[in-house]
Amino acid sequence: MRTITKTISVQAPAPKVWEVLTSPRFVPEWADAFAPGAKADSDWKTGSDVTWTGDNGMKMQGKVVESVPERSLKLAFAPGQMPEQDFEQVETYALSPEGSGTKLTITHGPFAAQGYETMQQPWDQALSSIKSLAEGDASGRSVREAERADMAPRA
């Protein structure tokens, strides 16, 4: 059994990174790395339910084990929701100050060998998206909103 641990530096304050991690506005943009149309339904409070769904029929139900806004978020998922997952799985998001920005560290697991390999690239992609979204443009728009606006035909 192996656990994925990844860290990324984000040039944005912790409140913005937290917003990207938990806001219905941003979650679909970074969670798309795991499943097309992925989104989460939760109020992100300790003890609350969290349900991840995707357009491909993916559905994972869990609990928010710990929620300290702008510092940490820990989710637990019961066994049997993924292939080869006959054990509880935990996702942890830890935010800490780093210079003028935020260091985000995720841990996810444990995984059997195949799941561990399968989840590496989606986590890299998700973290890159979280970084881009949190750093965003000065107007507060998400990166994709800004790109769409920049590509729109001018009158």
N, C-alpha and C. Protein backbone atom coordinates (compact mmCIF):
# COMPACT_ATOMS: atom_id res chain seq x y z
N MET A 1 0.84 -1.18 0.00
CA MET A 1 0.00 0.00 0.00
C MET A 1 0.88 1.25 0.00
N ARG A 2 0.49 2.21 -0.82
CA ARG A 2 1.27 3.43 -0.93
C ARG A 2 0.35 4.64 -0.86
N THR A 3 0.92 5.75 -0.40
CA THR A 3 0.18 7.00 -0.30
C THR A 3 0.87 8.04 -1.17
N ILE A 4 0.09 8.79 -1.91
CA ILE A 4 0.61 9.88 -2.74
C ILE A 4 0.76 11.12 -1.86
N THR A 5 1.91 11.77 -1.95
CA THR A 5 2.14 13.05 -1.28
C THR A 5 2.75 13.98 -2.31
N LYS A 6 2.14 15.14 -2.48
CA LYS A 6 2.63 16.13 -3.44
C LYS A 6 2.50 17.52 -2.83
N THR A 7 3.45 18.38 -3.16
CA THR A 7 3.47 19.74 -2.64
C THR A 7 3.66 20.71 -3.80
N ILE A 8 2.97 21.86 -3.70
CA ILE A 8 3.13 22.90 -4.71
C ILE A 8 3.13 24.26 -4.01
N SER A 9 3.93 25.18 -4.53
CA SER A 9 3.97 26.55 -4.02
C SER A 9 3.01 27.39 -4.85
N VAL A 10 2.16 28.13 -4.19
CA VAL A 10 1.15 28.95 -4.85
C VAL A 10 1.38 30.41 -4.45
N GLN A 11 1.52 31.28 -5.42
CA GLN A 11 1.72 32.70 -5.14
C GLN A 11 0.37 33.39 -4.94
N ALA A 12 -0.31 32.94 -3.88
CA ALA A 12 -1.61 33.49 -3.49
C ALA A 12 -1.77 33.23 -2.00
N PRO A 13 -2.53 34.07 -1.32
CA PRO A 13 -2.74 33.87 0.11
C PRO A 13 -3.62 32.64 0.39
N ALA A 14 -3.49 32.10 1.58
CA ALA A 14 -4.24 30.90 1.97
C ALA A 14 -5.75 31.05 1.76
N PRO A 15 -6.37 32.22 2.05
CA PRO A 15 -7.82 32.32 1.82
C PRO A 15 -8.20 32.06 0.36
N LYS A 16 -7.37 32.50 -0.58
CA LYS A 16 -7.66 32.27 -2.00
C LYS A 16 -7.49 30.80 -2.36
N VAL A 17 -6.43 30.16 -1.84
CA VAL A 17 -6.21 28.74 -2.12
C VAL A 17 -7.37 27.93 -1.53
N TRP A 18 -7.80 28.26 -0.33
CA TRP A 18 -8.94 27.58 0.31
C TRP A 18 -10.20 27.73 -0.55
N GLU A 19 -10.42 28.94 -1.06
CA GLU A 19 -11.59 29.17 -1.92
C GLU A 19 -11.54 28.27 -3.15
N VAL A 20 -10.38 28.15 -3.77
CA VAL A 20 -10.24 27.30 -4.95
C VAL A 20 -10.51 25.83 -4.58
N LEU A 21 -10.05 25.40 -3.42
CA LEU A 21 -10.25 24.01 -3.00
C LEU A 21 -11.71 23.69 -2.69
N THR A 22 -12.48 24.67 -2.24
CA THR A 22 -13.81 24.36 -1.71
C THR A 22 -14.99 25.04 -2.40
N SER A 23 -14.76 26.01 -3.23
CA SER A 23 -15.85 26.76 -3.85
C SER A 23 -16.44 26.02 -5.04
N PRO A 24 -17.78 25.94 -5.12
CA PRO A 24 -18.40 25.31 -6.29
C PRO A 24 -18.01 26.00 -7.60
N ARG A 25 -17.57 27.24 -7.51
CA ARG A 25 -17.12 27.97 -8.70
C ARG A 25 -15.82 27.39 -9.25
N PHE A 26 -14.91 26.96 -8.36
CA PHE A 26 -13.59 26.52 -8.79
C PHE A 26 -13.39 25.00 -8.81
N VAL A 27 -14.04 24.28 -7.90
CA VAL A 27 -13.80 22.83 -7.79
C VAL A 27 -13.92 22.11 -9.13
N PRO A 28 -14.96 22.36 -9.93
CA PRO A 28 -15.05 21.65 -11.21
C PRO A 28 -13.87 21.89 -12.14
N GLU A 29 -13.23 23.04 -12.02
CA GLU A 29 -12.11 23.35 -12.91
C GLU A 29 -10.88 22.52 -12.58
N TRP A 30 -10.60 22.27 -11.29
CA TRP A 30 -9.42 21.46 -10.97
C TRP A 30 -9.74 19.98 -10.81
N ALA A 31 -10.96 19.66 -10.40
CA ALA A 31 -11.34 18.26 -10.20
C ALA A 31 -11.55 17.53 -11.52
N ASP A 32 -11.68 18.27 -12.59
CA ASP A 32 -11.82 17.69 -13.93
C ASP A 32 -10.62 16.79 -14.26
N ALA A 33 -9.51 16.98 -13.57
CA ALA A 33 -8.33 16.14 -13.77
C ALA A 33 -8.60 14.69 -13.40
N PHE A 34 -9.57 14.45 -12.53
CA PHE A 34 -9.87 13.10 -12.06
C PHE A 34 -11.00 12.44 -12.83
N ALA A 35 -11.96 13.24 -13.28
CA ALA A 35 -13.09 12.71 -14.06
C ALA A 35 -13.75 13.88 -14.77
N PRO A 36 -14.13 13.69 -16.03
CA PRO A 36 -14.81 14.76 -16.76
C PRO A 36 -16.06 15.21 -15.99
N GLY A 37 -16.21 16.52 -15.86
CA GLY A 37 -17.39 17.06 -15.19
C GLY A 37 -17.41 16.84 -13.69
N ALA A 38 -16.26 16.53 -13.09
CA ALA A 38 -16.22 16.25 -11.65
C ALA A 38 -16.62 17.48 -10.85
N LYS A 39 -17.36 17.23 -9.78
CA LYS A 39 -17.73 18.29 -8.86
C LYS A 39 -17.97 17.68 -7.49
N ALA A 40 -17.98 18.53 -6.49
CA ALA A 40 -18.17 18.07 -5.12
C ALA A 40 -19.38 18.76 -4.52
N ASP A 41 -20.10 18.02 -3.70
CA ASP A 41 -21.23 18.58 -2.97
C ASP A 41 -20.92 18.43 -1.48
N SER A 42 -20.66 19.56 -0.81
CA SER A 42 -20.38 19.55 0.62
C SER A 42 -20.40 20.98 1.13
N ASP A 43 -20.58 21.12 2.44
CA ASP A 43 -20.40 22.45 3.03
C ASP A 43 -19.01 22.56 3.65
N TRP A 44 -18.21 21.49 3.55
CA TRP A 44 -16.81 21.43 3.95
C TRP A 44 -16.60 21.65 5.45
N LYS A 45 -17.62 21.39 6.26
CA LYS A 45 -17.50 21.51 7.71
C LYS A 45 -17.21 20.14 8.31
N THR A 46 -16.44 20.11 9.39
CA THR A 46 -16.12 18.86 10.06
C THR A 46 -17.39 18.09 10.38
N GLY A 47 -17.41 16.81 10.00
CA GLY A 47 -18.55 15.94 10.24
C GLY A 47 -19.56 15.89 9.10
N SER A 48 -19.42 16.79 8.13
CA SER A 48 -20.36 16.84 7.00
C SER A 48 -20.05 15.76 5.97
N ASP A 49 -21.05 15.44 5.17
CA ASP A 49 -20.86 14.54 4.04
C ASP A 49 -20.19 15.28 2.90
N VAL A 50 -19.50 14.53 2.06
CA VAL A 50 -18.97 15.06 0.80
C VAL A 50 -19.23 14.00 -0.26
N THR A 51 -19.78 14.44 -1.38
CA THR A 51 -20.05 13.54 -2.50
C THR A 51 -19.40 14.11 -3.75
N TRP A 52 -18.49 13.32 -4.33
CA TRP A 52 -17.84 13.67 -5.59
C TRP A 52 -18.57 12.92 -6.70
N THR A 53 -18.93 13.63 -7.77
CA THR A 53 -19.56 12.99 -8.92
C THR A 53 -18.88 13.48 -10.19
N GLY A 54 -19.06 12.71 -11.26
CA GLY A 54 -18.49 13.08 -12.55
C GLY A 54 -19.42 12.64 -13.67
N ASP A 55 -19.23 13.22 -14.84
CA ASP A 55 -20.06 12.90 -16.00
C ASP A 55 -19.91 11.44 -16.43
N ASN A 56 -18.81 10.80 -16.05
CA ASN A 56 -18.56 9.41 -16.45
C ASN A 56 -19.20 8.41 -15.49
N GLY A 57 -20.07 8.89 -14.60
CA GLY A 57 -20.74 8.00 -13.64
C GLY A 57 -19.98 7.83 -12.34
N MET A 58 -18.83 8.45 -12.22
CA MET A 58 -18.06 8.37 -10.99
C MET A 58 -18.86 8.96 -9.83
N LYS A 59 -18.86 8.25 -8.71
CA LYS A 59 -19.50 8.76 -7.50
C LYS A 59 -18.73 8.22 -6.30
N MET A 60 -18.26 9.13 -5.47
CA MET A 60 -17.57 8.75 -4.24
C MET A 60 -18.18 9.54 -3.10
N GLN A 61 -18.56 8.82 -2.06
CA GLN A 61 -19.16 9.46 -0.90
C GLN A 61 -18.23 9.31 0.29
N GLY A 62 -18.08 10.40 1.03
CA GLY A 62 -17.22 10.37 2.19
C GLY A 62 -17.67 11.35 3.24
N LYS A 63 -16.76 11.57 4.18
CA LYS A 63 -17.00 12.50 5.29
C LYS A 63 -15.86 13.50 5.38
N VAL A 64 -16.20 14.69 5.83
CA VAL A 64 -15.18 15.68 6.15
C VAL A 64 -14.76 15.37 7.58
N VAL A 65 -13.56 14.83 7.73
CA VAL A 65 -13.05 14.42 9.04
C VAL A 65 -12.51 15.62 9.80
N GLU A 66 -11.91 16.55 9.06
CA GLU A 66 -11.33 17.75 9.68
C GLU A 66 -11.42 18.89 8.69
N SER A 67 -11.82 20.05 9.19
CA SER A 67 -11.88 21.24 8.36
C SER A 67 -11.48 22.45 9.20
N VAL A 68 -10.31 22.98 8.90
CA VAL A 68 -9.84 24.20 9.54
C VAL A 68 -9.62 25.18 8.38
N PRO A 69 -10.62 26.05 8.12
CA PRO A 69 -10.52 26.93 6.97
C PRO A 69 -9.15 27.62 6.86
N GLU A 70 -8.66 27.59 5.62
CA GLU A 70 -7.39 28.22 5.24
C GLU A 70 -6.17 27.51 5.82
N ARG A 71 -6.37 26.31 6.46
CA ARG A 71 -5.24 25.56 7.03
C ARG A 71 -5.25 24.10 6.62
N SER A 72 -6.38 23.40 6.82
CA SER A 72 -6.37 21.96 6.51
C SER A 72 -7.77 21.44 6.24
N LEU A 73 -7.81 20.42 5.40
CA LEU A 73 -9.04 19.74 5.05
C LEU A 73 -8.71 18.26 4.91
N LYS A 74 -9.48 17.42 5.61
CA LYS A 74 -9.23 15.99 5.56
C LYS A 74 -10.55 15.28 5.27
N LEU A 75 -10.54 14.46 4.22
CA LEU A 75 -11.72 13.72 3.79
C LEU A 75 -11.45 12.23 3.89
N ALA A 76 -12.45 11.46 4.32
CA ALA A 76 -12.30 10.00 4.41
C ALA A 76 -13.40 9.35 3.57
N PHE A 77 -13.01 8.30 2.85
CA PHE A 77 -13.93 7.57 1.97
C PHE A 77 -13.96 6.11 2.38
N ALA A 78 -15.16 5.58 2.54
CA ALA A 78 -15.33 4.19 2.96
C ALA A 78 -14.80 3.23 1.90
N PRO A 79 -14.47 2.02 2.30
CA PRO A 79 -13.98 1.00 1.36
C PRO A 79 -14.99 0.70 0.26
N GLY A 80 -14.47 0.19 -0.86
CA GLY A 80 -15.31 -0.33 -1.93
C GLY A 80 -15.81 0.66 -2.95
N GLN A 81 -15.33 1.89 -2.93
CA GLN A 81 -15.82 2.88 -3.88
C GLN A 81 -14.96 3.02 -5.13
N MET A 82 -13.80 2.39 -5.10
CA MET A 82 -12.90 2.36 -6.26
C MET A 82 -12.44 0.93 -6.45
N PRO A 83 -12.07 0.56 -7.68
CA PRO A 83 -11.53 -0.79 -7.89
C PRO A 83 -10.33 -1.03 -6.98
N GLU A 84 -10.22 -2.22 -6.47
CA GLU A 84 -9.11 -2.63 -5.61
C GLU A 84 -9.03 -1.84 -4.30
N GLN A 85 -10.12 -1.18 -3.90
CA GLN A 85 -10.08 -0.38 -2.68
C GLN A 85 -10.98 -1.02 -1.63
N ASP A 86 -10.44 -1.98 -0.91
CA ASP A 86 -11.21 -2.64 0.14
C ASP A 86 -10.74 -2.12 1.51
N PHE A 87 -10.41 -0.83 1.55
CA PHE A 87 -9.92 -0.18 2.75
C PHE A 87 -10.30 1.29 2.68
N GLU A 88 -10.35 1.96 3.83
CA GLU A 88 -10.66 3.38 3.85
C GLU A 88 -9.56 4.16 3.14
N GLN A 89 -9.96 5.20 2.43
CA GLN A 89 -9.02 6.07 1.75
C GLN A 89 -9.18 7.48 2.30
N VAL A 90 -8.08 8.19 2.44
CA VAL A 90 -8.10 9.53 3.02
C VAL A 90 -7.40 10.51 2.09
N GLU A 91 -8.00 11.70 1.93
CA GLU A 91 -7.38 12.82 1.21
C GLU A 91 -7.16 13.93 2.22
N THR A 92 -5.95 14.48 2.26
CA THR A 92 -5.65 15.59 3.16
C THR A 92 -5.05 16.73 2.35
N TYR A 93 -5.54 17.92 2.60
CA TYR A 93 -5.04 19.15 1.98
C TYR A 93 -4.51 20.02 3.11
N ALA A 94 -3.22 20.30 3.12
CA ALA A 94 -2.61 21.13 4.17
C ALA A 94 -2.06 22.41 3.54
N LEU A 95 -2.46 23.54 4.09
CA LEU A 95 -2.00 24.84 3.61
C LEU A 95 -1.12 25.47 4.69
N SER A 96 0.02 26.01 4.27
CA SER A 96 0.89 26.69 5.22
C SER A 96 1.53 27.89 4.53
N PRO A 97 1.84 28.93 5.32
CA PRO A 97 2.47 30.12 4.73
C PRO A 97 3.83 29.78 4.14
N GLU A 98 4.12 30.42 3.02
CA GLU A 98 5.42 30.25 2.38
C GLU A 98 5.76 31.56 1.68
N GLY A 99 6.60 32.36 2.32
CA GLY A 99 6.91 33.67 1.77
C GLY A 99 5.65 34.50 1.68
N SER A 100 5.37 35.05 0.50
CA SER A 100 4.15 35.84 0.32
C SER A 100 3.01 34.98 -0.20
N GLY A 101 3.23 33.67 -0.30
CA GLY A 101 2.21 32.78 -0.82
C GLY A 101 1.86 31.66 0.14
N THR A 102 1.47 30.54 -0.43
CA THR A 102 0.99 29.41 0.34
C THR A 102 1.59 28.12 -0.20
N LYS A 103 2.02 27.26 0.69
CA LYS A 103 2.45 25.92 0.30
C LYS A 103 1.25 25.00 0.50
N LEU A 104 0.90 24.26 -0.53
CA LEU A 104 -0.20 23.30 -0.48
C LEU A 104 0.38 21.90 -0.59
N THR A 105 0.09 21.07 0.39
CA THR A 105 0.53 19.68 0.37
C THR A 105 -0.69 18.79 0.42
N ILE A 106 -0.76 17.85 -0.52
CA ILE A 106 -1.87 16.89 -0.51
C ILE A 106 -1.28 15.52 -0.19
N THR A 107 -2.06 14.74 0.53
CA THR A 107 -1.77 13.32 0.68
C THR A 107 -3.05 12.59 0.35
N HIS A 108 -2.92 11.46 -0.31
CA HIS A 108 -4.09 10.68 -0.74
C HIS A 108 -3.71 9.21 -0.73
N GLY A 109 -4.49 8.42 -0.02
CA GLY A 109 -4.23 7.00 0.00
C GLY A 109 -4.83 6.35 1.22
N PRO A 110 -4.46 5.13 1.47
CA PRO A 110 -3.49 4.33 0.72
C PRO A 110 -4.09 3.78 -0.56
N PHE A 111 -3.19 3.38 -1.46
CA PHE A 111 -3.57 2.78 -2.73
C PHE A 111 -2.87 1.44 -2.90
N ALA A 112 -3.54 0.54 -3.61
CA ALA A 112 -2.86 -0.64 -4.13
C ALA A 112 -1.96 -0.13 -5.26
N ALA A 113 -1.05 -0.94 -5.74
CA ALA A 113 -0.05 -0.50 -6.73
C ALA A 113 -0.67 0.17 -7.95
N GLN A 114 -1.70 -0.44 -8.55
CA GLN A 114 -2.28 0.12 -9.77
C GLN A 114 -2.93 1.47 -9.51
N GLY A 115 -3.67 1.60 -8.44
CA GLY A 115 -4.31 2.87 -8.11
C GLY A 115 -3.31 3.97 -7.86
N TYR A 116 -2.21 3.62 -7.22
CA TYR A 116 -1.15 4.58 -6.94
C TYR A 116 -0.60 5.15 -8.25
N GLU A 117 -0.30 4.29 -9.20
CA GLU A 117 0.23 4.73 -10.49
C GLU A 117 -0.82 5.53 -11.27
N THR A 118 -2.05 5.07 -11.26
CA THR A 118 -3.13 5.71 -12.00
C THR A 118 -3.41 7.14 -11.51
N MET A 119 -3.24 7.40 -10.21
CA MET A 119 -3.59 8.70 -9.64
C MET A 119 -2.47 9.74 -9.69
N GLN A 120 -1.26 9.36 -10.05
CA GLN A 120 -0.14 10.30 -10.07
C GLN A 120 -0.38 11.48 -11.02
N GLN A 121 -0.67 11.18 -12.28
CA GLN A 121 -0.84 12.25 -13.27
C GLN A 121 -2.06 13.13 -12.97
N PRO A 122 -3.22 12.56 -12.60
CA PRO A 122 -4.34 13.44 -12.26
C PRO A 122 -4.01 14.41 -11.11
N TRP A 123 -3.27 13.94 -10.11
CA TRP A 123 -2.92 14.86 -9.03
C TRP A 123 -1.99 15.96 -9.52
N ASP A 124 -1.03 15.63 -10.38
CA ASP A 124 -0.15 16.66 -10.93
C ASP A 124 -0.96 17.71 -11.68
N GLN A 125 -1.90 17.24 -12.49
CA GLN A 125 -2.75 18.14 -13.27
C GLN A 125 -3.64 18.97 -12.35
N ALA A 126 -4.24 18.34 -11.33
CA ALA A 126 -5.12 19.06 -10.40
C ALA A 126 -4.35 20.15 -9.65
N LEU A 127 -3.16 19.82 -9.17
CA LEU A 127 -2.37 20.81 -8.43
C LEU A 127 -1.96 21.97 -9.33
N SER A 128 -1.61 21.68 -10.56
CA SER A 128 -1.28 22.75 -11.50
C SER A 128 -2.49 23.67 -11.72
N SER A 129 -3.66 23.08 -11.84
CA SER A 129 -4.89 23.88 -12.01
C SER A 129 -5.20 24.68 -10.76
N ILE A 130 -5.04 24.08 -9.58
CA ILE A 130 -5.29 24.80 -8.33
C ILE A 130 -4.38 26.02 -8.26
N LYS A 131 -3.12 25.83 -8.60
CA LYS A 131 -2.15 26.93 -8.60
C LYS A 131 -2.59 28.04 -9.56
N SER A 132 -2.93 27.67 -10.79
CA SER A 132 -3.35 28.66 -11.78
C SER A 132 -4.61 29.39 -11.36
N LEU A 133 -5.56 28.65 -10.83
CA LEU A 133 -6.82 29.27 -10.40
C LEU A 133 -6.60 30.22 -9.23
N ALA A 134 -5.79 29.81 -8.26
CA ALA A 134 -5.56 30.66 -7.09
C ALA A 134 -4.76 31.91 -7.46
N GLU A 135 -3.81 31.74 -8.35
CA GLU A 135 -3.00 32.89 -8.75
C GLU A 135 -3.80 33.80 -9.67
N GLY A 136 -4.76 33.22 -10.45
CA GLY A 136 -5.71 33.96 -11.28
C GLY A 136 -5.24 35.29 -11.81
N ASP A 137 -6.15 36.03 -12.38
CA ASP A 137 -5.77 37.37 -12.84
C ASP A 137 -6.28 38.41 -11.84
N ALA A 138 -5.87 39.63 -12.02
CA ALA A 138 -6.15 40.68 -11.04
C ALA A 138 -7.63 40.95 -10.85
N SER A 139 -8.45 40.60 -11.82
CA SER A 139 -9.88 40.87 -11.70
C SER A 139 -10.59 39.86 -10.82
N GLY A 140 -9.86 38.80 -10.43
CA GLY A 140 -10.49 37.77 -9.61
C GLY A 140 -11.15 36.69 -10.43
N ARG A 141 -11.10 36.82 -11.76
CA ARG A 141 -11.67 35.78 -12.61
C ARG A 141 -10.78 34.56 -12.54
N SER A 142 -11.37 33.40 -12.77
CA SER A 142 -10.55 32.20 -12.87
C SER A 142 -9.75 32.28 -14.16
N VAL A 143 -8.73 31.47 -14.25
CA VAL A 143 -7.88 31.46 -15.44
C VAL A 143 -8.71 31.13 -16.68
N ARG A 144 -9.60 30.13 -16.60
CA ARG A 144 -10.40 29.77 -17.77
C ARG A 144 -11.35 30.89 -18.16
N GLU A 145 -11.93 31.59 -17.18
CA GLU A 145 -12.80 32.72 -17.49
C GLU A 145 -12.02 33.80 -18.22
N ALA A 146 -10.81 34.07 -17.75
CA ALA A 146 -9.96 35.08 -18.37
C ALA A 146 -9.59 34.68 -19.78
N GLU A 147 -9.25 33.39 -19.98
CA GLU A 147 -8.88 32.92 -21.32
C GLU A 147 -10.07 33.04 -22.27
N ARG A 148 -11.26 32.67 -21.81
CA ARG A 148 -12.46 32.77 -22.66
C ARG A 148 -12.72 34.24 -23.03
N ALA A 149 -12.56 35.16 -22.06
CA ALA A 149 -12.79 36.56 -22.32
C ALA A 149 -11.76 37.09 -23.32
N ASP A 150 -10.51 36.64 -23.20
CA ASP A 150 -9.46 37.11 -24.10
C ASP A 150 -9.65 36.59 -25.51
N MET A 151 -10.30 35.43 -25.66
CA MET A 151 -10.52 34.85 -26.98
C MET A 151 -11.83 35.28 -27.61
N ALA A 152 -12.67 35.95 -26.85
CA ALA A 152 -13.97 36.36 -27.38
C ALA A 152 -13.78 37.40 -28.48
N PRO A 153 -14.61 37.34 -29.52
CA PRO A 153 -14.49 38.35 -30.58
C PRO A 153 -14.77 39.74 -30.03
N ARG A 154 -14.00 40.67 -30.50
CA ARG A 154 -14.18 42.07 -30.06
C ARG A 154 -15.19 42.75 -30.98
N ALA A 155 -15.98 43.63 -30.40
CA ALA A 155 -17.01 44.36 -31.18
C ALA A 155 -16.39 45.51 -31.92
